[in-house]
Amino acid sequence: MAKNNKAAKGLGQAAGVKPAAQDIAAQLELKPGQSIELLKALHILTRDGKLNQDSRRKLKQVYHLYQFIEPILKELGEGDKAVTLADHGAGKSYLGFILYDLYFKAQGQGSIYGIETRAPLVEASQKLAADLGFDRMQFLNMSVAESTHADFMPARFDVVTALHACDTATDDAISFGLEKKAKAMVLVPCCQAEVAACLRQTKAMSLARTPLAELWRHPIHTREMGSQITNVLRCLYLEACGYQVTVTELVGWEHSMKNELIVARYTGHKKRSAAERLQQLLTEFGLEGLAAQRFQIPTIS
């Protein structure tokens, strides 16, 4: 009997019989309600419903991030409120599409704006959203900074996300969130080069002034220290601006080296100590020039 079942299974596969969508979802451990067709359109799944290792890594990152964002969306959507979300550095909009598919679609309200500088990616996302009937998704071909002051954008956004927004685009996303009075920001920084460049320029002077400069004397350490300092400054800035900040890892380090996840929730409590520490660190590392550019410390009474 076992041989017959095995033979029948083989004949079915040879005849091109495809497994049902729910069977594919179970095999791949997809989330309930996840659209198989969407994952195929995003090229996360093949036409036959298969998942390669690279796609599995991408899907795991997005799903893990969704676990942090979903409770925020549910909380902000209480009382039948329509939630607005801006996804900066959207790329192919994996995150935006999956957020819409798993949360916004069922709500029947709320909207997602994907901000991306590469026109072909924006056009592809616009077409896919139209094909899928995701009519409350919009995609804009502009920088994060440009979107902050665009007249046609909503005056306020509830949630701001930036998954691997490169270098200062993460800072621009924070500025956008502050300007739009976001209730929450979910950020995964990437390629932080600005602070490292500043450290490199003042290295000789810093080495003469403090032994701490040994921490970034070698080029590889300069890059790593620049990345670390950048995210510390961002967290202090958010706390000084009235946000409660949690920092954790996005997924295991084997999946992505750009792995730091910053979740900021607005409380309205601006921490004086955070503002003071931010200013002290900018001075200590010779980064005073960034105060006006990136970290305009608010006055706290």
Foldseek 3Di string as FASTA:
>chain_A
DVVVVVVVVVVCVVVVPADDPVVLCVVLVHDPQDDLVVCCLLVCAPPSSDHDPLSNLVVLLLVLLCVVVVVLCVVVCPPNDAAEEEEAQCQLVPNVVRCCRVPVVVSVHHAYEYEHQDVVSQVSNVVVCVVVVVVRYHYDNDALQVVLPDPPDDQAHAEYEYEAPEACSQLSSVVSCLRRVYQKYKYQYHHHCPQLVVLVVCLVVLVVVDVVSVCCPDPVSSSVVSVVVVVLLVQLLLLQSAWDKDWDFSDDVVSDVSTIIIMIGGDNHHDPVSLVVSVVVCVSSVNVVCCVVRRVRDDDD
